[in-house]
Amino acid sequence: MDNNARIMEIGRLIATDHKVDAAPWDGYALIVVYADGSRKLAGFRYRDGAPPAAATPEATVQLGEQLDALRAGTQVAGKAPWNACVVKIRRDTGRVAVDFDYDTPTQWETSPETLHTVAERARPQ
């Protein structure tokens, strides 16, 4: 599977997840951070300019495998892989976009203090 097809599959897995689709949404963002040998997910549902709602999908084996494969498939020879990415979905267009972060993955880490700021930074446009 090429990277574009993999991104679309990741989008499909997210959009059909029961935790994500439990309430109406216009946009969705999944933040993926690789740190300390693990993969951490934080998802947010957006609707009509309202504040983001936490909606992290089930960390299914299939979604994890696709994320790991995307990370490996987008690695540039001789360089480290990205440490964070944000998968953004627009429901009205079906558009799935991914932003990769190689240098500052800590900007995507969520805590009670940073949750709102990070969720707004990830909001699909």
PDB file of N, CA and C in Angstrom:
ATOM      1  N   MET A   1       0.853  -1.173   0.000  1.00  0.00           N
ATOM      2  CA  MET A   1       0.000   0.000   0.000  1.00  0.00           C
ATOM      3  C   MET A   1       0.902   1.240   0.000  1.00  0.00           C
ATOM      4  N   ASP A   2       0.600   2.201  -0.875  1.00  0.00           N
ATOM      5  CA  ASP A   2       1.411   3.424  -0.881  1.00  0.00           C
ATOM      6  C   ASP A   2       0.933   4.360   0.238  1.00  0.00           C
ATOM      7  N   ASN A   3       1.719   5.397   0.495  1.00  0.00           N
ATOM      8  CA  ASN A   3       1.425   6.282   1.626  1.00  0.00           C
ATOM      9  C   ASN A   3       0.092   7.007   1.486  1.00  0.00           C
ATOM     10  N   ASN A   4      -0.285   7.415   0.272  1.00  0.00           N
ATOM     11  CA  ASN A   4      -1.572   8.090   0.086  1.00  0.00           C
ATOM     12  C   ASN A   4      -2.734   7.164   0.417  1.00  0.00           C
ATOM     13  N   ALA A   5      -2.650   5.924  -0.040  1.00  0.00           N
ATOM     14  CA  ALA A   5      -3.693   4.947   0.272  1.00  0.00           C
ATOM     15  C   ALA A   5      -3.717   4.661   1.770  1.00  0.00           C
ATOM     16  N   ARG A   6      -2.556   4.604   2.374  1.00  0.00           N
ATOM     17  CA  ARG A   6      -2.471   4.355   3.817  1.00  0.00           C
ATOM     18  C   ARG A   6      -3.119   5.514   4.593  1.00  0.00           C
ATOM     19  N   ILE A   7      -2.877   6.741   4.178  1.00  0.00           N
ATOM     20  CA  ILE A   7      -3.496   7.895   4.840  1.00  0.00           C
ATOM     21  C   ILE A   7      -5.019   7.820   4.729  1.00  0.00           C
ATOM     22  N   MET A   8      -5.522   7.454   3.567  1.00  0.00           N
ATOM     23  CA  MET A   8      -6.970   7.319   3.398  1.00  0.00           C
ATOM     24  C   MET A   8      -7.524   6.201   4.285  1.00  0.00           C
ATOM     25  N   GLU A   9      -6.785   5.114   4.420  1.00  0.00           N
ATOM     26  CA  GLU A   9      -7.219   4.010   5.282  1.00  0.00           C
ATOM     27  C   GLU A   9      -7.228   4.454   6.747  1.00  0.00           C
ATOM     28  N   ILE A  10      -6.224   5.195   7.160  1.00  0.00           N
ATOM     29  CA  ILE A  10      -6.202   5.726   8.524  1.00  0.00           C
ATOM     30  C   ILE A  10      -7.421   6.624   8.736  1.00  0.00           C
ATOM     31  N   GLY A  11      -7.718   7.479   7.772  1.00  0.00           N
ATOM     32  CA  GLY A  11      -8.901   8.332   7.859  1.00  0.00           C
ATOM     33  C   GLY A  11     -10.178   7.529   7.980  1.00  0.00           C
ATOM     34  N   ARG A  12     -10.280   6.460   7.214  1.00  0.00           N
ATOM     35  CA  ARG A  12     -11.471   5.601   7.276  1.00  0.00           C
ATOM     36  C   ARG A  12     -11.597   4.948   8.646  1.00  0.00           C
ATOM     37  N   LEU A  13     -10.486   4.423   9.158  1.00  0.00           N
ATOM     38  CA  LEU A  13     -10.516   3.771  10.468  1.00  0.00           C
ATOM     39  C   LEU A  13     -10.938   4.755  11.560  1.00  0.00           C
ATOM     40  N   ILE A  14     -10.459   5.974  11.465  1.00  0.00           N
ATOM     41  CA  ILE A  14     -10.819   6.993  12.454  1.00  0.00           C
ATOM     42  C   ILE A  14     -12.299   7.357  12.324  1.00  0.00           C
ATOM     43  N   ALA A  15     -12.738   7.686  11.115  1.00  0.00           N
ATOM     44  CA  ALA A  15     -14.103   8.185  10.899  1.00  0.00           C
ATOM     45  C   ALA A  15     -15.172   7.158  11.240  1.00  0.00           C
ATOM     46  N   THR A  16     -14.835   5.884  11.167  1.00  0.00           N
ATOM     47  CA  THR A  16     -15.819   4.841  11.463  1.00  0.00           C
ATOM     48  C   THR A  16     -15.704   4.310  12.888  1.00  0.00           C
ATOM     49  N   ASP A  17     -14.802   4.860  13.669  1.00  0.00           N
ATOM     50  CA  ASP A  17     -14.633   4.416  15.050  1.00  0.00           C
ATOM     51  C   ASP A  17     -15.823   4.877  15.898  1.00  0.00           C
ATOM     52  N   HIS A  18     -16.335   4.001  16.739  1.00  0.00           N
ATOM     53  CA  HIS A  18     -17.534   4.327  17.518  1.00  0.00           C
ATOM     54  C   HIS A  18     -17.308   5.467  18.507  1.00  0.00           C
ATOM     55  N   LYS A  19     -16.110   5.656  19.025  1.00  0.00           N
ATOM     56  CA  LYS A  19     -15.859   6.773  19.942  1.00  0.00           C
ATOM     57  C   LYS A  19     -15.817   8.103  19.189  1.00  0.00           C
ATOM     58  N   VAL A  20     -15.289   8.079  17.981  1.00  0.00           N
ATOM     59  CA  VAL A  20     -15.215   9.297  17.171  1.00  0.00           C
ATOM     60  C   VAL A  20     -16.604   9.684  16.681  1.00  0.00           C
ATOM     61  N   ASP A  21     -17.351   8.712  16.215  1.00  0.00           N
ATOM     62  CA  ASP A  21     -18.649   8.979  15.592  1.00  0.00           C
ATOM     63  C   ASP A  21     -19.806   8.959  16.593  1.00  0.00           C
ATOM     64  N   ALA A  22     -19.500   9.034  17.892  1.00  0.00           N
ATOM     65  CA  ALA A  22     -20.543   8.993  18.919  1.00  0.00           C
ATOM     66  C   ALA A  22     -21.375  10.269  18.970  1.00  0.00           C
ATOM     67  N   ALA A  23     -20.869  11.347  18.393  1.00  0.00           N
ATOM     68  CA  ALA A  23     -21.593  12.627  18.346  1.00  0.00           C
ATOM     69  C   ALA A  23     -21.291  13.284  17.006  1.00  0.00           C
ATOM     70  N   PRO A  24     -22.154  14.187  16.549  1.00  0.00           N
ATOM     71  CA  PRO A  24     -21.911  14.852  15.261  1.00  0.00           C
ATOM     72  C   PRO A  24     -20.595  15.635  15.271  1.00  0.00           C
ATOM     73  N   TRP A  25     -19.955  15.675  14.116  1.00  0.00           N
ATOM     74  CA  TRP A  25     -18.710  16.444  13.979  1.00  0.00           C
ATOM     75  C   TRP A  25     -18.546  16.921  12.554  1.00  0.00           C
ATOM     76  N   ASP A  26     -17.870  18.071  12.416  1.00  0.00           N
ATOM     77  CA  ASP A  26     -17.537  18.636  11.107  1.00  0.00           C
ATOM     78  C   ASP A  26     -16.081  18.378  10.766  1.00  0.00           C
ATOM     79  N   GLY A  27     -15.247  18.386  11.802  1.00  0.00           N
ATOM     80  CA  GLY A  27     -13.819  18.162  11.631  1.00  0.00           C
ATOM     81  C   GLY A  27     -13.304  17.285  12.747  1.00  0.00           C
ATOM     82  N   TYR A  28     -12.191  16.651  12.482  1.00  0.00           N
ATOM     83  CA  TYR A  28     -11.600  15.761  13.476  1.00  0.00           C
ATOM     84  C   TYR A  28     -10.087  15.829  13.340  1.00  0.00           C
ATOM     85  N   ALA A  29      -9.395  15.728  14.471  1.00  0.00           N
ATOM     86  CA  ALA A  29      -7.932  15.674  14.455  1.00  0.00           C
ATOM     87  C   ALA A  29      -7.463  14.579  15.399  1.00  0.00           C
ATOM     88  N   LEU A  30      -6.557  13.763  14.902  1.00  0.00           N
ATOM     89  CA  LEU A  30      -5.902  12.749  15.724  1.00  0.00           C
ATOM     90  C   LEU A  30      -4.437  13.126  15.826  1.00  0.00           C
ATOM     91  N   ILE A  31      -3.980  13.346  17.043  1.00  0.00           N
ATOM     92  CA  ILE A  31      -2.581  13.656  17.301  1.00  0.00           C
ATOM     93  C   ILE A  31      -1.891  12.363  17.701  1.00  0.00           C
ATOM     94  N   VAL A  32      -0.802  12.058  17.014  1.00  0.00           N
ATOM     95  CA  VAL A  32      -0.036  10.842  17.277  1.00  0.00           C
ATOM     96  C   VAL A  32       1.373  11.266  17.667  1.00  0.00           C
ATOM     97  N   VAL A  33       1.809  10.857  18.856  1.00  0.00           N
ATOM     98  CA  VAL A  33       3.151  11.195  19.328  1.00  0.00           C
ATOM     99  C   VAL A  33       3.890   9.906  19.650  1.00  0.00           C
ATOM    100  N   TYR A  34       5.074   9.768  19.069  1.00  0.00           N
ATOM    101  CA  TYR A  34       5.958   8.648  19.384  1.00  0.00           C
ATOM    102  C   TYR A  34       7.021   9.174  20.345  1.00  0.00           C
ATOM    103  N   ALA A  35       7.055   8.622  21.558  1.00  0.00           N
ATOM    104  CA  ALA A  35       8.041   9.047  22.555  1.00  0.00           C
ATOM    105  C   ALA A  35       8.268   7.909  23.543  1.00  0.00           C
ATOM    106  N   ASP A  36       9.484   7.805  24.000  1.00  0.00           N
ATOM    107  CA  ASP A  36       9.833   6.802  25.013  1.00  0.00           C
ATOM    108  C   ASP A  36       9.419   5.393  24.597  1.00  0.00           C
ATOM    109  N   GLY A  37       9.552   5.090  23.319  1.00  0.00           N
ATOM    110  CA  GLY A  37       9.255   3.748  22.826  1.00  0.00           C
ATOM    111  C   GLY A  37       7.787   3.399  22.739  1.00  0.00           C
ATOM    112  N   SER A  38       6.910   4.389  22.838  1.00  0.00           N
ATOM    113  CA  SER A  38       5.485   4.096  22.729  1.00  0.00           C
ATOM    114  C   SER A  38       4.798   5.095  21.810  1.00  0.00           C
ATOM    115  N   ARG A  39       3.585   4.757  21.436  1.00  0.00           N
ATOM    116  CA  ARG A  39       2.762   5.598  20.575  1.00  0.00           C
ATOM    117  C   ARG A  39       1.592   6.097  21.413  1.00  0.00           C
ATOM    118  N   LYS A  40       1.399   7.416  21.449  1.00  0.00           N
ATOM    119  CA  LYS A  40       0.302   8.003  22.216  1.00  0.00           C
ATOM    120  C   LYS A  40      -0.649   8.703  21.262  1.00  0.00           C
ATOM    121  N   LEU A  41      -1.941   8.489  21.472  1.00  0.00           N
ATOM    122  CA  LEU A  41      -2.974   9.079  20.625  1.00  0.00           C
ATOM    123  C   LEU A  41      -3.842  10.033  21.442  1.00  0.00           C
ATOM    124  N   ALA A  42      -4.215  11.142  20.825  1.00  0.00           N
ATOM    125  CA  ALA A  42      -5.187  12.069  21.413  1.00  0.00           C
ATOM    126  C   ALA A  42      -6.050  12.585  20.272  1.00  0.00           C
ATOM    127  N   GLY A  43      -7.353  12.364  20.370  1.00  0.00           N
ATOM    128  CA  GLY A  43      -8.250  12.764  19.299  1.00  0.00           C
ATOM    129  C   GLY A  43      -9.262  13.797  19.753  1.00  0.00           C
ATOM    130  N   PHE A  44      -9.663  14.650  18.795  1.00  0.00           N
ATOM    131  CA  PHE A  44     -10.614  15.724  19.092  1.00  0.00           C
ATOM    132  C   PHE A  44     -11.624  15.863  17.969  1.00  0.00           C
ATOM    133  N   ARG A  45     -12.881  16.010  18.366  1.00  0.00           N
ATOM    134  CA  ARG A  45     -13.986  16.215  17.444  1.00  0.00           C
ATOM    135  C   ARG A  45     -14.330  17.705  17.473  1.00  0.00           C
ATOM    136  N   TYR A  46     -14.645  18.280  16.304  1.00  0.00           N
ATOM    137  CA  TYR A  46     -14.960  19.710  16.195  1.00  0.00           C
ATOM    138  C   TYR A  46     -16.319  19.857  15.515  1.00  0.00           C
ATOM    139  N   ARG A  47     -17.095  20.839  15.991  1.00  0.00           N
ATOM    140  CA  ARG A  47     -18.417  21.077  15.395  1.00  0.00           C
ATOM    141  C   ARG A  47     -18.759  22.555  15.453  1.00  0.00           C
ATOM    142  N   ASP A  48     -19.031  23.139  14.299  1.00  0.00           N
ATOM    143  CA  ASP A  48     -19.563  24.503  14.189  1.00  0.00           C
ATOM    144  C   ASP A  48     -18.819  25.534  15.039  1.00  0.00           C
ATOM    145  N   GLY A  49     -17.517  25.469  15.097  1.00  0.00           N
ATOM    146  CA  GLY A  49     -16.746  26.452  15.845  1.00  0.00           C
ATOM    147  C   GLY A  49     -16.819  26.295  17.351  1.00  0.00           C
ATOM    148  N   ALA A  50     -17.500  25.260  17.833  1.00  0.00           N
ATOM    149  CA  ALA A  50     -17.594  25.011  19.273  1.00  0.00           C
ATOM    150  C   ALA A  50     -16.238  24.539  19.804  1.00  0.00           C
ATOM    151  N   PRO A  51     -16.054  24.584  21.111  1.00  0.00           N
ATOM    152  CA  PRO A  51     -14.802  24.065  21.668  1.00  0.00           C
ATOM    153  C   PRO A  51     -14.612  22.596  21.283  1.00  0.00           C
ATOM    154  N   PRO A  52     -13.369  22.155  21.141  1.00  0.00           N
ATOM    155  CA  PRO A  52     -13.109  20.762  20.786  1.00  0.00           C
ATOM    156  C   PRO A  52     -13.619  19.813  21.865  1.00  0.00           C
ATOM    157  N   ALA A  53     -14.027  18.630  21.432  1.00  0.00           N
ATOM    158  CA  ALA A  53     -14.452  17.579  22.357  1.00  0.00           C
ATOM    159  C   ALA A  53     -13.488  16.410  22.223  1.00  0.00           C
ATOM    160  N   ALA A  54     -12.986  15.923  23.332  1.00  0.00           N
ATOM    161  CA  ALA A  54     -12.069  14.782  23.299  1.00  0.00           C
ATOM    162  C   ALA A  54     -12.794  13.569  22.730  1.00  0.00           C
ATOM    163  N   ALA A  55     -12.156  12.893  21.797  1.00  0.00           N
ATOM    164  CA  ALA A  55     -12.749  11.714  21.156  1.00  0.00           C
ATOM    165  C   ALA A  55     -11.627  10.880  20.545  1.00  0.00           C
ATOM    166  N   THR A  56     -10.852  10.252  21.394  1.00  0.00           N
ATOM    167  CA  THR A  56      -9.747   9.425  20.912  1.00  0.00           C
ATOM    168  C   THR A  56     -10.299   8.075  20.487  1.00  0.00           C
ATOM    169  N   PRO A  57      -9.946   7.619  19.276  1.00  0.00           N
ATOM    170  CA  PRO A  57     -10.460   6.329  18.823  1.00  0.00           C
ATOM    171  C   PRO A  57      -9.877   5.185  19.638  1.00  0.00           C
ATOM    172  N   GLU A  58     -10.526   4.049  19.547  1.00  0.00           N
ATOM    173  CA  GLU A  58      -9.966   2.846  20.149  1.00  0.00           C
ATOM    174  C   GLU A  58      -8.586   2.633  19.542  1.00  0.00           C
ATOM    175  N   ALA A  59      -7.619   2.329  20.351  1.00  0.00           N
ATOM    176  CA  ALA A  59      -6.259   2.078  19.841  1.00  0.00           C
ATOM    177  C   ALA A  59      -6.208   0.658  19.285  1.00  0.00           C
ATOM    178  N   THR A  60      -6.937   0.456  18.204  1.00  0.00           N
ATOM    179  CA  THR A  60      -7.011  -0.873  17.625  1.00  0.00           C
ATOM    180  C   THR A  60      -5.677  -1.276  17.030  1.00  0.00           C
ATOM    181  N   VAL A  61      -5.480  -2.546  16.953  1.00  0.00           N
ATOM    182  CA  VAL A  61      -4.260  -3.072  16.348  1.00  0.00           C
ATOM    183  C   VAL A  61      -4.147  -2.574  14.915  1.00  0.00           C
ATOM    184  N   GLN A  62      -5.242  -2.586  14.188  1.00  0.00           N
ATOM    185  CA  GLN A  62      -5.217  -2.174  12.784  1.00  0.00           C
ATOM    186  C   GLN A  62      -4.816  -0.707  12.631  1.00  0.00           C
ATOM    187  N   LEU A  63      -5.363   0.183  13.441  1.00  0.00           N
ATOM    188  CA  LEU A  63      -4.995   1.595  13.368  1.00  0.00           C
ATOM    189  C   LEU A  63      -3.530   1.775  13.737  1.00  0.00           C
ATOM    190  N   GLY A  64      -3.090   1.120  14.785  1.00  0.00           N
ATOM    191  CA  GLY A  64      -1.689   1.203  15.192  1.00  0.00           C
ATOM    192  C   GLY A  64      -0.739   0.720  14.119  1.00  0.00           C
ATOM    193  N   GLU A  65      -1.083  -0.391  13.481  1.00  0.00           N
ATOM    194  CA  GLU A  65      -0.240  -0.914  12.397  1.00  0.00           C
ATOM    195  C   GLU A  65      -0.158   0.074  11.243  1.00  0.00           C
ATOM    196  N   GLN A  66      -1.269   0.700  10.897  1.00  0.00           N
ATOM    197  CA  GLN A  66      -1.273   1.664   9.795  1.00  0.00           C
ATOM    198  C   GLN A  66      -0.443   2.904  10.148  1.00  0.00           C
ATOM    199  N   LEU A  67      -0.545   3.375  11.372  1.00  0.00           N
ATOM    200  CA  LEU A  67       0.255   4.528  11.797  1.00  0.00           C
ATOM    201  C   LEU A  67       1.742   4.195  11.790  1.00  0.00           C
ATOM    202  N   ASP A  68       2.090   3.018  12.300  1.00  0.00           N
ATOM    203  CA  ASP A  68       3.499   2.598  12.297  1.00  0.00           C
ATOM    204  C   ASP A  68       4.023   2.467  10.868  1.00  0.00           C
ATOM    205  N   ALA A  69       3.202   1.908   9.984  1.00  0.00           N
ATOM    206  CA  ALA A  69       3.614   1.742   8.587  1.00  0.00           C
ATOM    207  C   ALA A  69       3.755   3.098   7.893  1.00  0.00           C
ATOM    208  N   LEU A  70       2.886   4.047   8.210  1.00  0.00           N
ATOM    209  CA  LEU A  70       3.003   5.394   7.641  1.00  0.00           C
ATOM    210  C   LEU A  70       4.298   6.041   8.113  1.00  0.00           C
ATOM    211  N   ARG A  71       4.612   5.869   9.368  1.00  0.00           N
ATOM    212  CA  ARG A  71       5.856   6.444   9.903  1.00  0.00           C
ATOM    213  C   ARG A  71       7.064   5.849   9.187  1.00  0.00           C
ATOM    214  N   ALA A  72       7.064   4.544   9.009  1.00  0.00           N
ATOM    215  CA  ALA A  72       8.178   3.891   8.309  1.00  0.00           C
ATOM    216  C   ALA A  72       8.199   4.287   6.835  1.00  0.00           C
ATOM    217  N   GLY A  73       7.025   4.367   6.221  1.00  0.00           N
ATOM    218  CA  GLY A  73       6.932   4.652   4.794  1.00  0.00           C
ATOM    219  C   GLY A  73       7.263   6.081   4.411  1.00  0.00           C
ATOM    220  N   THR A  74       7.224   6.986   5.370  1.00  0.00           N
ATOM    221  CA  THR A  74       7.534   8.387   5.080  1.00  0.00           C
ATOM    222  C   THR A  74       8.915   8.791   5.581  1.00  0.00           C
ATOM    223  N   GLN A  75       9.635   7.838   6.149  1.00  0.00           N
ATOM    224  CA  GLN A  75      10.981   8.147   6.644  1.00  0.00           C
ATOM    225  C   GLN A  75      11.931   8.376   5.481  1.00  0.00           C
ATOM    226  N   VAL A  76      12.689   9.442   5.564  1.00  0.00           N
ATOM    227  CA  VAL A  76      13.682   9.778   4.549  1.00  0.00           C
ATOM    228  C   VAL A  76      14.959   9.016   4.874  1.00  0.00           C
ATOM    229  N   ALA A  77      15.552   8.403   3.861  1.00  0.00           N
ATOM    230  CA  ALA A  77      16.775   7.616   4.058  1.00  0.00           C
ATOM    231  C   ALA A  77      17.844   8.448   4.762  1.00  0.00           C
ATOM    232  N   GLY A  78      18.442   7.866   5.780  1.00  0.00           N
ATOM    233  CA  GLY A  78      19.513   8.534   6.502  1.00  0.00           C
ATOM    234  C   GLY A  78      19.050   9.527   7.552  1.00  0.00           C
ATOM    235  N   LYS A  79      17.740   9.674   7.725  1.00  0.00           N
ATOM    236  CA  LYS A  79      17.211  10.616   8.715  1.00  0.00           C
ATOM    237  C   LYS A  79      16.262   9.888   9.663  1.00  0.00           C
ATOM    238  N   ALA A  80      16.069  10.471  10.810  1.00  0.00           N
ATOM    239  CA  ALA A  80      15.144   9.897  11.789  1.00  0.00           C
ATOM    240  C   ALA A  80      13.707  10.068  11.298  1.00  0.00           C
ATOM    241  N   PRO A  81      12.809   9.158  11.688  1.00  0.00           N
ATOM    242  CA  PRO A  81      11.402   9.319  11.311  1.00  0.00           C
ATOM    243  C   PRO A  81      10.777  10.474  12.094  1.00  0.00           C
ATOM    244  N   TRP A  82       9.606  10.897  11.641  1.00  0.00           N
ATOM    245  CA  TRP A  82       8.898  11.938  12.374  1.00  0.00           C
ATOM    246  C   TRP A  82       8.530  11.422  13.764  1.00  0.00           C
ATOM    247  N   ASN A  83       8.398  12.368  14.693  1.00  0.00           N
ATOM    248  CA  ASN A  83       8.078  12.022  16.077  1.00  0.00           C
ATOM    249  C   ASN A  83       6.622  12.284  16.439  1.00  0.00           C
ATOM    250  N   ALA A  84       5.949  13.060  15.614  1.00  0.00           N
ATOM    251  CA  ALA A  84       4.535  13.343  15.843  1.00  0.00           C
ATOM    252  C   ALA A  84       3.872  13.633  14.505  1.00  0.00           C
ATOM    253  N   CYS A  85       2.590  13.356  14.443  1.00  0.00           N
ATOM    254  CA  CYS A  85       1.814  13.756  13.269  1.00  0.00           C
ATOM    255  C   CYS A  85       0.408  14.099  13.726  1.00  0.00           C
ATOM    256  N   VAL A  86      -0.260  14.886  12.897  1.00  0.00           N
ATOM    257  CA  VAL A  86      -1.651  15.241  13.155  1.00  0.00           C
ATOM    258  C   VAL A  86      -2.444  14.862  11.913  1.00  0.00           C
ATOM    259  N   VAL A  87      -3.374  13.931  12.087  1.00  0.00           N
ATOM    260  CA  VAL A  87      -4.265  13.510  11.009  1.00  0.00           C
ATOM    261  C   VAL A  87      -5.515  14.375  11.126  1.00  0.00           C
ATOM    262  N   LYS A  88      -5.816  15.131  10.067  1.00  0.00           N
ATOM    263  CA  LYS A  88      -6.963  16.045  10.080  1.00  0.00           C
ATOM    264  C   LYS A  88      -7.987  15.594   9.041  1.00  0.00           C
ATOM    265  N   ILE A  89      -9.242  15.551   9.464  1.00  0.00           N
ATOM    266  CA  ILE A  89     -10.318  15.106   8.577  1.00  0.00           C
ATOM    267  C   ILE A  89     -11.397  16.182   8.531  1.00  0.00           C
ATOM    268  N   ARG A  90     -11.831  16.517   7.320  1.00  0.00           N
ATOM    269  CA  ARG A  90     -12.989  17.393   7.111  1.00  0.00           C
ATOM    270  C   ARG A  90     -14.131  16.499   6.642  1.00  0.00           C
ATOM    271  N   ARG A  91     -15.187  16.460   7.403  1.00  0.00           N
ATOM    272  CA  ARG A  91     -16.304  15.583   7.069  1.00  0.00           C
ATOM    273  C   ARG A  91     -17.019  16.026   5.794  1.00  0.00           C
ATOM    274  N   ASP A  92     -17.172  17.341   5.581  1.00  0.00           N
ATOM    275  CA  ASP A  92     -17.928  17.828   4.429  1.00  0.00           C
ATOM    276  C   ASP A  92     -17.263  17.482   3.102  1.00  0.00           C
ATOM    277  N   THR A  93     -15.947  17.438   3.068  1.00  0.00           N
ATOM    278  CA  THR A  93     -15.229  17.142   1.823  1.00  0.00           C
ATOM    279  C   THR A  93     -14.644  15.734   1.800  1.00  0.00           C
ATOM    280  N   GLY A  94     -14.551  15.101   2.968  1.00  0.00           N
ATOM    281  CA  GLY A  94     -13.902  13.799   3.043  1.00  0.00           C
ATOM    282  C   GLY A  94     -12.388  13.900   2.960  1.00  0.00           C
ATOM    283  N   ARG A  95     -11.873  15.113   3.005  1.00  0.00           N
ATOM    284  CA  ARG A  95     -10.425  15.328   2.880  1.00  0.00           C
ATOM    285  C   ARG A  95      -9.709  14.860   4.143  1.00  0.00           C
ATOM    286  N   VAL A  96      -8.640  14.102   3.936  1.00  0.00           N
ATOM    287  CA  VAL A  96      -7.772  13.658   5.021  1.00  0.00           C
ATOM    288  C   VAL A  96      -6.386  14.222   4.737  1.00  0.00           C
ATOM    289  N   ALA A  97      -5.845  14.970   5.676  1.00  0.00           N
ATOM    290  CA  ALA A  97      -4.511  15.552   5.529  1.00  0.00           C
ATOM    291  C   ALA A  97      -3.685  15.169   6.750  1.00  0.00           C
ATOM    292  N   VAL A  98      -2.387  15.059   6.551  1.00  0.00           N
ATOM    293  CA  VAL A  98      -1.495  14.719   7.659  1.00  0.00           C
ATOM    294  C   VAL A  98      -0.350  15.717   7.692  1.00  0.00           C
ATOM    295  N   ASP A  99      -0.115  16.272   8.865  1.00  0.00           N
ATOM    296  CA  ASP A  99       1.036  17.143   9.104  1.00  0.00           C
ATOM    297  C   ASP A  99       2.038  16.354   9.935  1.00  0.00           C
ATOM    298  N   PHE A 100       3.284  16.314   9.484  1.00  0.00           N
ATOM    299  CA  PHE A 100       4.338  15.582  10.186  1.00  0.00           C
ATOM    300  C   PHE A 100       5.223  16.559  10.942  1.00  0.00           C
ATOM    301  N   ASP A 101       5.626  16.192  12.150  1.00  0.00           N
ATOM    302  CA  ASP A 101       6.501  17.030  12.967  1.00  0.00           C
ATOM    303  C   ASP A 101       7.760  16.232  13.298  1.00  0.00           C
ATOM    304  N   TYR A 102       8.869  16.692  12.761  1.00  0.00           N
ATOM    305  CA  TYR A 102      10.151  16.030  12.983  1.00  0.00           C
ATOM    306  C   TYR A 102      10.918  16.651  14.145  1.00  0.00           C
ATOM    307  N   ASP A 103      10.672  17.917  14.425  1.00  0.00           N
ATOM    308  CA  ASP A 103      11.547  18.661  15.327  1.00  0.00           C
ATOM    309  C   ASP A 103      10.957  19.018  16.685  1.00  0.00           C
ATOM    310  N   THR A 104       9.665  19.242  16.756  1.00  0.00           N
ATOM    311  CA  THR A 104       9.080  19.728  18.012  1.00  0.00           C
ATOM    312  C   THR A 104       7.854  18.917  18.433  1.00  0.00           C
ATOM    313  N   PRO A 105       8.011  17.607  18.624  1.00  0.00           N
ATOM    314  CA  PRO A 105       6.848  16.794  18.975  1.00  0.00           C
ATOM    315  C   PRO A 105       6.229  17.164  20.320  1.00  0.00           C
ATOM    316  N   THR A 106       7.005  17.794  21.196  1.00  0.00           N
ATOM    317  CA  THR A 106       6.454  18.149  22.504  1.00  0.00           C
ATOM    318  C   THR A 106       5.318  19.163  22.393  1.00  0.00           C
ATOM    319  N   GLN A 107       5.259  19.912  21.287  1.00  0.00           N
ATOM    320  CA  GLN A 107       4.150  20.863  21.129  1.00  0.00           C
ATOM    321  C   GLN A 107       2.806  20.149  20.995  1.00  0.00           C
ATOM    322  N   TRP A 108       2.831  18.844  20.729  1.00  0.00           N
ATOM    323  CA  TRP A 108       1.603  18.072  20.551  1.00  0.00           C
ATOM    324  C   TRP A 108       1.247  17.232  21.774  1.00  0.00           C
ATOM    325  N   GLU A 109       2.087  17.261  22.797  1.00  0.00           N
ATOM    326  CA  GLU A 109       1.786  16.498  24.008  1.00  0.00           C
ATOM    327  C   GLU A 109       0.683  17.205  24.786  1.00  0.00           C
ATOM    328  N   THR A 110      -0.279  16.426  25.258  1.00  0.00           N
ATOM    329  CA  THR A 110      -1.411  17.009  25.968  1.00  0.00           C
ATOM    330  C   THR A 110      -1.296  16.756  27.469  1.00  0.00           C
ATOM    331  N   SER A 111      -1.699  17.745  28.221  1.00  0.00           N
ATOM    332  CA  SER A 111      -1.803  17.668  29.675  1.00  0.00           C
ATOM    333  C   SER A 111      -3.008  18.529  30.038  1.00  0.00           C
ATOM    334  N   PRO A 112      -3.451  18.487  31.278  1.00  0.00           N
ATOM    335  CA  PRO A 112      -4.585  19.349  31.633  1.00  0.00           C
ATOM    336  C   PRO A 112      -4.319  20.828  31.323  1.00  0.00           C
ATOM    337  N   GLU A 113      -3.071  21.246  31.442  1.00  0.00           N
ATOM    338  CA  GLU A 113      -2.726  22.649  31.198  1.00  0.00           C
ATOM    339  C   GLU A 113      -2.694  23.000  29.708  1.00  0.00           C
ATOM    340  N   THR A 114      -2.337  22.051  28.856  1.00  0.00           N
ATOM    341  CA  THR A 114      -2.149  22.342  27.429  1.00  0.00           C
ATOM    342  C   THR A 114      -3.274  21.831  26.537  1.00  0.00           C
ATOM    343  N   LEU A 115      -4.205  21.110  27.102  1.00  0.00           N
ATOM    344  CA  LEU A 115      -5.222  20.419  26.305  1.00  0.00           C
ATOM    345  C   LEU A 115      -5.944  21.338  25.326  1.00  0.00           C
ATOM    346  N   HIS A 116      -6.482  22.449  25.796  1.00  0.00           N
ATOM    347  CA  HIS A 116      -7.251  23.339  24.922  1.00  0.00           C
ATOM    348  C   HIS A 116      -6.371  23.939  23.823  1.00  0.00           C
ATOM    349  N   THR A 117      -5.181  24.387  24.178  1.00  0.00           N
ATOM    350  CA  THR A 117      -4.269  24.995  23.202  1.00  0.00           C
ATOM    351  C   THR A 117      -3.877  24.002  22.120  1.00  0.00           C
ATOM    352  N   VAL A 118      -3.525  22.794  22.522  1.00  0.00           N
ATOM    353  CA  VAL A 118      -3.116  21.767  21.555  1.00  0.00           C
ATOM    354  C   VAL A 118      -4.297  21.384  20.664  1.00  0.00           C
ATOM    355  N   ALA A 119      -5.468  21.209  21.253  1.00  0.00           N
ATOM    356  CA  ALA A 119      -6.653  20.843  20.466  1.00  0.00           C
ATOM    357  C   ALA A 119      -6.995  21.929  19.452  1.00  0.00           C
ATOM    358  N   GLU A 120      -6.883  23.185  19.827  1.00  0.00           N
ATOM    359  CA  GLU A 120      -7.157  24.274  18.880  1.00  0.00           C
ATOM    360  C   GLU A 120      -6.094  24.337  17.788  1.00  0.00           C
ATOM    361  N   ARG A 121      -4.841  24.088  18.132  1.00  0.00           N
ATOM    362  CA  ARG A 121      -3.763  24.088  17.132  1.00  0.00           C
ATOM    363  C   ARG A 121      -3.999  22.986  16.094  1.00  0.00           C
ATOM    364  N   ALA A 122      -4.594  21.893  16.508  1.00  0.00           N
ATOM    365  CA  ALA A 122      -4.826  20.756  15.608  1.00  0.00           C
ATOM    366  C   ALA A 122      -6.100  20.898  14.780  1.00  0.00           C
ATOM    367  N   ARG A 123      -6.942  21.850  15.089  1.00  0.00           N
ATOM    368  CA  ARG A 123      -8.257  21.992  14.429  1.00  0.00           C
ATOM    369  C   ARG A 123      -8.113  22.025  12.910  1.00  0.00           C
ATOM    370  N   PRO A 124      -8.853  21.157  12.192  1.00  0.00           N
ATOM    371  CA  PRO A 124      -8.825  21.194  10.718  1.00  0.00           C
ATOM    372  C   PRO A 124      -9.433  22.496  10.205  1.00  0.00           C
ATOM    373  N   GLN A 125      -8.859  23.028   9.148  1.00  0.00           N
ATOM    374  CA  GLN A 125      -9.359  24.269   8.551  1.00  0.00           C
ATOM    375  C   GLN A 125     -10.109  23.967   7.279  1.00  0.00           C
TER     376      GLN A 125
END
